[in-house]
C-alpha atoms as a PDB file:
ATOM      1  CA  MET A   1     -18.552   7.964  34.371  1.00  0.00           C
ATOM      2  CA  TRP A   2     -14.855   8.791  33.365  1.00  0.00           C
ATOM      3  CA  TYR A   3     -13.867   4.044  33.255  1.00  0.00           C
ATOM      4  CA  LEU A   4     -16.302   3.826  30.150  1.00  0.00           C
ATOM      5  CA  ASP A   5     -13.682   6.016  28.063  1.00  0.00           C
ATOM      6  CA  PRO A   6     -12.004   4.134  25.323  1.00  0.00           C
ATOM      7  CA  TYR A   7      -8.662   4.365  27.141  1.00  0.00           C
ATOM      8  CA  TYR A   8      -9.655   2.566  30.101  1.00  0.00           C
ATOM      9  CA  ILE A   9     -11.371  -0.042  28.150  1.00  0.00           C
ATOM     10  CA  SER A  10      -8.836  -0.326  25.681  1.00  0.00           C
ATOM     11  CA  ASN A  11      -5.944  -0.735  28.768  1.00  0.00           C
ATOM     12  CA  THR A  12      -8.648  -3.421  30.801  1.00  0.00           C
ATOM     13  CA  LEU A  13      -8.914  -5.460  27.502  1.00  0.00           C
ATOM     14  CA  LEU A  14      -4.807  -4.961  27.312  1.00  0.00           C
ATOM     15  CA  CYS A  15      -4.600  -6.380  30.956  1.00  0.00           C
ATOM     16  CA  LEU A  16      -6.740  -9.214  30.731  1.00  0.00           C
ATOM     17  CA  ILE A  17      -4.741 -10.758  27.579  1.00  0.00           C
ATOM     18  CA  TYR A  18      -2.300 -12.434  30.083  1.00  0.00           C
ATOM     19  CA  PRO A  19      -5.051 -14.650  31.825  1.00  0.00           C
ATOM     20  CA  LEU A  20      -6.765 -15.273  28.667  1.00  0.00           C
ATOM     21  CA  VAL A  21      -2.919 -16.909  27.539  1.00  0.00           C
ATOM     22  CA  ARG A  22      -3.220 -18.503  30.703  1.00  0.00           C
ATOM     23  CA  PHE A  23      -6.461 -19.666  30.571  1.00  0.00           C
ATOM     24  CA  PHE A  24      -6.140 -21.220  26.542  1.00  0.00           C
ATOM     25  CA  GLY A  25      -2.437 -23.405  27.950  1.00  0.00           C
ATOM     26  CA  LEU A  26      -0.769 -21.244  25.990  1.00  0.00           C
ATOM     27  CA  HIS A  27       2.691 -21.255  28.160  1.00  0.00           C
ATOM     28  CA  ASN A  28       6.642 -22.099  28.247  1.00  0.00           C
ATOM     29  CA  ARG A  29       8.225 -24.506  30.445  1.00  0.00           C
ATOM     30  CA  ILE A  30      10.877 -21.560  31.289  1.00  0.00           C
ATOM     31  CA  LEU A  31       7.071 -19.927  33.825  1.00  0.00           C
ATOM     32  CA  ASP A  32       6.516 -23.566  34.576  1.00  0.00           C
ATOM     33  CA  PHE A  33       9.885 -24.147  36.959  1.00  0.00           C
ATOM     34  CA  LYS A  34       9.629 -24.117  40.692  1.00  0.00           C
ATOM     35  CA  ASP A  35      12.487 -22.758  42.458  1.00  0.00           C
ATOM     36  CA  SER A  36      13.398 -24.196  45.809  1.00  0.00           C
ATOM     37  CA  THR A  37      10.361 -22.418  47.872  1.00  0.00           C
ATOM     38  CA  GLY A  38       7.895 -23.876  45.574  1.00  0.00           C
ATOM     39  CA  PHE A  39       6.671 -20.922  43.701  1.00  0.00           C
ATOM     40  CA  ARG A  40       6.899 -20.628  39.649  1.00  0.00           C
ATOM     41  CA  LEU A  41       8.573 -17.495  38.013  1.00  0.00           C
ATOM     42  CA  GLU A  42       5.304 -16.277  36.864  1.00  0.00           C
ATOM     43  CA  THR A  43       3.896 -16.224  40.547  1.00  0.00           C
ATOM     44  CA  HIS A  44       7.318 -13.988  41.615  1.00  0.00           C
ATOM     45  CA  ILE A  45       5.919 -11.681  38.968  1.00  0.00           C
ATOM     46  CA  LEU A  46       2.753 -10.950  40.097  1.00  0.00           C
ATOM     47  CA  CYS A  47       3.555 -10.862  43.505  1.00  0.00           C
ATOM     48  CA  GLY A  48       5.916  -7.780  43.010  1.00  0.00           C
ATOM     49  CA  ILE A  49       3.781  -5.834  40.596  1.00  0.00           C
ATOM     50  CA  PHE A  50       1.162  -6.125  43.177  1.00  0.00           C
ATOM     51  CA  THR A  51       3.196  -5.200  46.304  1.00  0.00           C
ATOM     52  CA  ILE A  52       4.507  -2.416  44.384  1.00  0.00           C
ATOM     53  CA  LEU A  53       0.761  -1.174  43.433  1.00  0.00           C
ATOM     54  CA  PHE A  54      -0.046  -2.160  46.897  1.00  0.00           C
ATOM     55  CA  LEU A  55       2.911   0.450  48.873  1.00  0.00           C
ATOM     56  CA  ARG A  56       1.839   3.097  45.731  1.00  0.00           C
ATOM     57  CA  LEU A  57      -1.018   3.094  46.605  1.00  0.00           C
ATOM     58  CA  TYR A  58      -0.653   3.456  50.491  1.00  0.00           C
ATOM     59  CA  ARG A  59       1.371   6.365  49.914  1.00  0.00           C
ATOM     60  CA  TYR A  60       1.332   8.042  47.294  1.00  0.00           C
ATOM     61  CA  TYR A  61      -2.100   8.058  45.723  1.00  0.00           C
ATOM     62  CA  THR A  62      -5.201  10.642  46.716  1.00  0.00           C
ATOM     63  CA  SER A  63      -7.286  10.236  43.499  1.00  0.00           C
ATOM     64  CA  LEU A  64      -8.832   6.532  41.821  1.00  0.00           C
ATOM     65  CA  LYS A  65      -8.043   7.710  38.401  1.00  0.00           C
ATOM     66  CA  LYS A  66      -4.601   8.527  38.899  1.00  0.00           C
ATOM     67  CA  TYR A  67      -3.973   4.692  41.277  1.00  0.00           C
ATOM     68  CA  VAL A  68      -5.899   2.948  38.006  1.00  0.00           C
ATOM     69  CA  ASN A  69      -3.753   4.876  35.167  1.00  0.00           C
ATOM     70  CA  ASP A  70      -1.038   2.677  37.715  1.00  0.00           C
ATOM     71  CA  VAL A  71      -2.378   0.195  37.678  1.00  0.00           C
ATOM     72  CA  PHE A  72      -2.896  -0.328  33.860  1.00  0.00           C
ATOM     73  CA  PHE A  73       0.944   0.817  33.518  1.00  0.00           C
ATOM     74  CA  TYR A  74       1.990  -1.978  35.864  1.00  0.00           C
ATOM     75  CA  GLY A  75      -0.240  -4.827  34.632  1.00  0.00           C
ATOM     76  CA  LYS A  76       0.611  -4.167  31.438  1.00  0.00           C
ATOM     77  CA  SER A  77       4.262  -3.935  32.065  1.00  0.00           C
ATOM     78  CA  CYS A  78       3.954  -7.241  34.330  1.00  0.00           C
ATOM     79  CA  THR A  79       1.856  -8.735  30.836  1.00  0.00           C
ATOM     80  CA  THR A  80       5.072  -7.814  28.518  1.00  0.00           C
ATOM     81  CA  ILE A  81       7.492 -10.005  30.822  1.00  0.00           C
ATOM     82  CA  ILE A  82       5.625 -12.928  30.993  1.00  0.00           C
ATOM     83  CA  LEU A  83       4.995 -12.985  27.459  1.00  0.00           C
ATOM     84  CA  GLY A  84       8.279 -12.021  26.217  1.00  0.00           C
ATOM     85  CA  LEU A  85       9.249 -15.377  28.358  1.00  0.00           C
ATOM     86  CA  ILE A  86       5.890 -17.267  26.782  1.00  0.00           C
ATOM     87  CA  ASN A  87       7.102 -16.776  23.715  1.00  0.00           C
ATOM     88  CA  ILE A  88       8.393 -13.551  21.228  1.00  0.00           C
ATOM     89  CA  LYS A  89       6.024 -13.553  19.321  1.00  0.00           C
ATOM     90  CA  PHE A  90       2.913 -12.955  21.416  1.00  0.00           C
ATOM     91  CA  LEU A  91       5.293  -9.995  22.854  1.00  0.00           C
ATOM     92  CA  VAL A  92       5.365  -8.303  19.395  1.00  0.00           C
ATOM     93  CA  TRP A  93       1.882  -8.897  18.705  1.00  0.00           C
ATOM     94  CA  TYR A  94       1.182  -6.989  22.560  1.00  0.00           C
ATOM     95  CA  ILE A  95       3.232  -4.265  21.455  1.00  0.00           C
ATOM     96  CA  VAL A  96       1.746  -3.889  18.577  1.00  0.00           C
ATOM     97  CA  GLY A  97      -1.518  -3.668  20.240  1.00  0.00           C
ATOM     98  CA  CYS A  98      -0.395  -1.374  22.664  1.00  0.00           C
ATOM     99  CA  ALA A  99       1.451   1.063  20.335  1.00  0.00           C
ATOM    100  CA  SER A 100      -1.571   1.132  18.085  1.00  0.00           C
ATOM    101  CA  LYS A 101      -4.114   2.076  21.067  1.00  0.00           C
ATOM    102  CA  TYR A 102      -1.666   4.906  21.800  1.00  0.00           C
ATOM    103  CA  TYR A 103      -1.201   6.283  18.485  1.00  0.00           C
ATOM    104  CA  TYR A 104      -5.800   5.866  17.282  1.00  0.00           C
ATOM    105  CA  HIS A 105      -5.726   7.664  21.138  1.00  0.00           C
ATOM    106  CA  ASN A 106      -3.730  10.920  20.070  1.00  0.00           C
ATOM    107  CA  ILE A 107      -5.359  11.232  17.043  1.00  0.00           C
ATOM    108  CA  VAL A 108      -8.955  10.525  17.887  1.00  0.00           C
ATOM    109  CA  TYR A 109      -8.453  13.481  21.106  1.00  0.00           C
ATOM    110  CA  SER A 110      -6.533  15.904  19.161  1.00  0.00           C
ATOM    111  CA  LEU A 111      -8.943  16.691  16.737  1.00  0.00           C
END
């Protein structure tokens, strides 16, 4: 039951911030811009991240735990990029949330 660890739960919540932001309609015109192929900028970013994850899964991973950790890393970096494009205030609060999670995790597990 390694996936019920607070580390994985908090990372899951941090990765789910982006769909919540899009669901509540908090977006910018930058993300709605369509290029000549008809795709939006956020679609390009998400497809790029998912392609990297798929290629890394196929080549490098032998453990599900390692892959889940990389999914969280790339998911949070994708969320950081998109929140930076939406609004800088969202980005700052997201970074504060990520940093506080790591400080809490290091303090709890060092005791």
